[in-house]
Amino acid sequence: MHYYFYLARCSDGSLYAGTCIDISAREAKHNNGKGAKYTRSRLPINIIYSEECNTKSEALKREAHVKTWTKKAKEEFLKKERVRS
């Protein structure tokens, strides 16, 4: 089983970082109001970036690391990755 680290763009333009095992199911869960508390008031969300990780620990560490970045740093990272926002 693989885990994923992802970045989601919320309706207010903010970014949410998370981990999951199924990107599509996680996006649907957020958009059904059953995801993180942060995203519930910022629907709809769109997962715009993901990385496959070999373990849950790896995915959680990546999430924790990216959460330390400023929004500007996250946006620059997404530009380099050529992600559509």
N, C-alpha and C. Protein backbone atom coordinates (compact mmCIF):
# COMPACT_ATOMS: atom_id res chain seq x y z
N MET A 1 0.84 -1.17 0.00
CA MET A 1 0.00 0.00 0.00
C MET A 1 0.89 1.24 0.00
N HIS A 2 0.47 2.21 -0.77
CA HIS A 2 1.20 3.48 -0.82
C HIS A 2 0.37 4.56 -0.14
N TYR A 3 1.06 5.53 0.39
CA TYR A 3 0.45 6.69 1.01
C TYR A 3 0.82 7.90 0.18
N TYR A 4 0.04 8.95 0.32
CA TYR A 4 0.28 10.17 -0.43
C TYR A 4 0.30 11.37 0.49
N PHE A 5 1.19 12.29 0.17
CA PHE A 5 1.18 13.63 0.73
C PHE A 5 0.51 14.48 -0.33
N TYR A 6 -0.35 15.42 0.06
CA TYR A 6 -1.00 16.26 -0.95
C TYR A 6 -1.15 17.70 -0.48
N LEU A 7 -1.32 18.57 -1.46
CA LEU A 7 -1.68 19.97 -1.22
C LEU A 7 -3.01 20.22 -1.92
N ALA A 8 -3.93 20.82 -1.18
CA ALA A 8 -5.24 21.14 -1.74
C ALA A 8 -5.43 22.65 -1.73
N ARG A 9 -6.03 23.15 -2.79
CA ARG A 9 -6.37 24.57 -2.87
C ARG A 9 -7.81 24.71 -2.39
N CYS A 10 -8.01 25.55 -1.39
CA CYS A 10 -9.34 25.79 -0.86
C CYS A 10 -10.01 26.93 -1.63
N SER A 11 -11.32 27.06 -1.47
CA SER A 11 -12.06 28.08 -2.22
C SER A 11 -11.61 29.50 -1.90
N ASP A 12 -11.02 29.70 -0.72
CA ASP A 12 -10.52 31.05 -0.37
C ASP A 12 -9.09 31.29 -0.84
N GLY A 13 -8.53 30.32 -1.58
CA GLY A 13 -7.17 30.46 -2.11
C GLY A 13 -6.09 29.91 -1.19
N SER A 14 -6.46 29.55 0.03
CA SER A 14 -5.47 29.00 0.95
C SER A 14 -5.09 27.58 0.53
N LEU A 15 -4.00 27.09 1.11
CA LEU A 15 -3.53 25.75 0.81
C LEU A 15 -3.63 24.89 2.06
N TYR A 16 -4.03 23.65 1.85
CA TYR A 16 -4.12 22.69 2.95
C TYR A 16 -3.22 21.51 2.61
N ALA A 17 -2.40 21.09 3.56
CA ALA A 17 -1.52 19.94 3.37
C ALA A 17 -2.07 18.76 4.16
N GLY A 18 -2.03 17.58 3.55
CA GLY A 18 -2.53 16.40 4.23
C GLY A 18 -1.91 15.12 3.70
N THR A 19 -2.32 14.01 4.26
CA THR A 19 -1.88 12.69 3.82
C THR A 19 -3.11 11.80 3.65
N CYS A 20 -2.98 10.80 2.78
CA CYS A 20 -4.08 9.86 2.54
C CYS A 20 -3.56 8.63 1.81
N ILE A 21 -4.47 7.68 1.57
CA ILE A 21 -4.11 6.51 0.76
C ILE A 21 -4.83 6.52 -0.58
N ASP A 22 -5.83 7.38 -0.76
CA ASP A 22 -6.58 7.46 -2.02
C ASP A 22 -6.91 8.93 -2.27
N ILE A 23 -6.25 9.50 -3.26
CA ILE A 23 -6.39 10.94 -3.55
C ILE A 23 -7.83 11.31 -3.90
N SER A 24 -8.45 10.57 -4.80
CA SER A 24 -9.83 10.89 -5.22
C SER A 24 -10.81 10.79 -4.07
N ALA A 25 -10.68 9.72 -3.29
CA ALA A 25 -11.58 9.54 -2.15
C ALA A 25 -11.37 10.64 -1.11
N ARG A 26 -10.14 11.05 -0.92
CA ARG A 26 -9.86 12.09 0.07
C ARG A 26 -10.43 13.42 -0.38
N GLU A 27 -10.29 13.74 -1.66
CA GLU A 27 -10.86 14.99 -2.17
C GLU A 27 -12.38 14.97 -2.00
N ALA A 28 -13.02 13.86 -2.31
CA ALA A 28 -14.46 13.74 -2.15
C ALA A 28 -14.86 13.88 -0.68
N LYS A 29 -14.10 13.27 0.21
CA LYS A 29 -14.38 13.36 1.64
C LYS A 29 -14.34 14.81 2.12
N HIS A 30 -13.30 15.54 1.69
CA HIS A 30 -13.21 16.97 2.04
C HIS A 30 -14.45 17.70 1.52
N ASN A 31 -14.77 17.49 0.25
CA ASN A 31 -15.86 18.23 -0.39
C ASN A 31 -17.24 17.83 0.11
N ASN A 32 -17.34 16.70 0.77
CA ASN A 32 -18.59 16.29 1.41
C ASN A 32 -18.68 16.80 2.84
N GLY A 33 -17.70 17.62 3.24
CA GLY A 33 -17.71 18.21 4.58
C GLY A 33 -17.27 17.27 5.67
N LYS A 34 -16.65 16.16 5.30
CA LYS A 34 -16.22 15.17 6.28
C LYS A 34 -14.70 15.11 6.42
N GLY A 35 -14.02 16.08 5.84
CA GLY A 35 -12.56 16.14 5.93
C GLY A 35 -12.13 16.95 7.14
N ALA A 36 -10.98 17.54 7.02
CA ALA A 36 -10.42 18.33 8.11
C ALA A 36 -11.29 19.53 8.45
N LYS A 37 -11.28 19.90 9.71
CA LYS A 37 -12.05 21.05 10.17
C LYS A 37 -11.68 22.32 9.39
N TYR A 38 -10.38 22.46 9.09
CA TYR A 38 -9.90 23.63 8.36
C TYR A 38 -10.62 23.78 7.01
N THR A 39 -10.80 22.68 6.31
CA THR A 39 -11.36 22.77 4.96
C THR A 39 -12.88 22.89 4.94
N ARG A 40 -13.55 22.51 6.00
CA ARG A 40 -15.03 22.51 6.02
C ARG A 40 -15.64 23.87 5.71
N SER A 41 -14.98 24.93 6.14
CA SER A 41 -15.52 26.28 5.87
C SER A 41 -14.90 26.91 4.63
N ARG A 42 -14.13 26.12 3.90
CA ARG A 42 -13.43 26.64 2.72
C ARG A 42 -13.69 25.78 1.48
N LEU A 43 -14.88 25.21 1.40
CA LEU A 43 -15.24 24.32 0.30
C LEU A 43 -15.66 25.11 -0.91
N PRO A 44 -15.50 24.56 -2.10
CA PRO A 44 -14.88 23.26 -2.37
C PRO A 44 -13.36 23.36 -2.36
N ILE A 45 -12.74 22.21 -2.21
CA ILE A 45 -11.28 22.14 -2.32
C ILE A 45 -10.94 21.34 -3.56
N ASN A 46 -9.71 21.53 -4.02
CA ASN A 46 -9.22 20.79 -5.18
C ASN A 46 -7.80 20.35 -4.86
N ILE A 47 -7.55 19.05 -4.87
CA ILE A 47 -6.19 18.58 -4.64
C ILE A 47 -5.39 18.86 -5.90
N ILE A 48 -4.37 19.72 -5.75
CA ILE A 48 -3.62 20.18 -6.91
C ILE A 48 -2.23 19.60 -7.01
N TYR A 49 -1.79 18.90 -5.96
CA TYR A 49 -0.45 18.32 -5.98
C TYR A 49 -0.43 17.12 -5.04
N SER A 50 0.28 16.07 -5.46
CA SER A 50 0.46 14.93 -4.57
C SER A 50 1.80 14.26 -4.84
N GLU A 51 2.30 13.61 -3.81
CA GLU A 51 3.54 12.83 -3.90
C GLU A 51 3.26 11.45 -3.33
N GLU A 52 3.69 10.42 -4.01
CA GLU A 52 3.55 9.06 -3.51
C GLU A 52 4.68 8.78 -2.53
N CYS A 53 4.33 8.19 -1.40
CA CYS A 53 5.30 7.84 -0.36
C CYS A 53 5.21 6.35 -0.08
N ASN A 54 6.30 5.76 0.33
CA ASN A 54 6.32 4.31 0.57
C ASN A 54 5.68 3.91 1.89
N THR A 55 5.70 4.81 2.87
CA THR A 55 5.14 4.48 4.18
C THR A 55 4.29 5.65 4.69
N LYS A 56 3.43 5.35 5.65
CA LYS A 56 2.62 6.39 6.27
C LYS A 56 3.53 7.39 6.98
N SER A 57 4.56 6.88 7.63
CA SER A 57 5.51 7.74 8.34
C SER A 57 6.16 8.73 7.39
N GLU A 58 6.57 8.27 6.23
CA GLU A 58 7.20 9.14 5.22
C GLU A 58 6.22 10.24 4.79
N ALA A 59 4.97 9.87 4.55
CA ALA A 59 3.96 10.84 4.12
C ALA A 59 3.71 11.87 5.22
N LEU A 60 3.60 11.42 6.47
CA LEU A 60 3.36 12.33 7.59
C LEU A 60 4.54 13.26 7.83
N LYS A 61 5.75 12.76 7.64
CA LYS A 61 6.94 13.61 7.79
C LYS A 61 6.97 14.68 6.71
N ARG A 62 6.61 14.30 5.48
CA ARG A 62 6.57 15.26 4.38
C ARG A 62 5.52 16.34 4.66
N GLU A 63 4.36 15.90 5.13
CA GLU A 63 3.30 16.85 5.47
C GLU A 63 3.78 17.83 6.55
N ALA A 64 4.37 17.31 7.61
CA ALA A 64 4.85 18.15 8.71
C ALA A 64 5.90 19.14 8.21
N HIS A 65 6.78 18.68 7.34
CA HIS A 65 7.82 19.57 6.80
C HIS A 65 7.22 20.69 5.97
N VAL A 66 6.32 20.35 5.06
CA VAL A 66 5.72 21.37 4.18
C VAL A 66 4.87 22.35 4.99
N LYS A 67 4.24 21.89 6.06
CA LYS A 67 3.43 22.78 6.89
C LYS A 67 4.27 23.86 7.57
N THR A 68 5.58 23.67 7.65
CA THR A 68 6.46 24.70 8.22
C THR A 68 6.74 25.82 7.22
N TRP A 69 6.47 25.59 5.96
CA TRP A 69 6.73 26.58 4.92
C TRP A 69 5.69 27.69 4.98
N THR A 70 6.10 28.87 4.54
CA THR A 70 5.15 29.98 4.39
C THR A 70 4.28 29.70 3.17
N LYS A 71 3.17 30.42 3.07
CA LYS A 71 2.31 30.27 1.89
C LYS A 71 3.09 30.63 0.63
N LYS A 72 3.92 31.66 0.73
CA LYS A 72 4.72 32.08 -0.42
C LYS A 72 5.65 30.94 -0.87
N ALA A 73 6.27 30.27 0.07
CA ALA A 73 7.16 29.15 -0.27
C ALA A 73 6.39 28.01 -0.91
N LYS A 74 5.19 27.74 -0.41
CA LYS A 74 4.36 26.68 -1.00
C LYS A 74 3.97 27.05 -2.43
N GLU A 75 3.61 28.32 -2.64
CA GLU A 75 3.22 28.77 -3.98
C GLU A 75 4.41 28.68 -4.94
N GLU A 76 5.60 29.04 -4.48
CA GLU A 76 6.80 28.93 -5.32
C GLU A 76 7.08 27.47 -5.67
N PHE A 77 6.94 26.60 -4.70
CA PHE A 77 7.12 25.17 -4.93
C PHE A 77 6.13 24.68 -6.00
N LEU A 78 4.88 25.09 -5.89
CA LEU A 78 3.87 24.67 -6.87
C LEU A 78 4.18 25.20 -8.27
N LYS A 79 4.70 26.43 -8.35
CA LYS A 79 5.09 26.99 -9.65
C LYS A 79 6.20 26.16 -10.28
N LYS A 80 7.17 25.78 -9.47
CA LYS A 80 8.28 24.95 -9.97
C LYS A 80 7.80 23.59 -10.42
N GLU A 81 6.79 23.09 -9.75
CA GLU A 81 6.22 21.78 -10.12
C GLU A 81 5.23 21.90 -11.28
N ARG A 82 4.96 23.14 -11.70
CA ARG A 82 4.05 23.43 -12.79
C ARG A 82 2.65 22.86 -12.54
N VAL A 83 2.17 23.11 -11.34
CA VAL A 83 0.86 22.64 -10.95
C VAL A 83 -0.17 23.70 -11.31
N ARG A 84 -1.30 23.26 -11.83
CA ARG A 84 -2.36 24.22 -12.11
C ARG A 84 -3.07 24.53 -10.82
N SER A 85 -3.29 25.79 -10.57
CA SER A 85 -3.95 26.17 -9.30
C SER A 85 -5.36 26.56 -9.56
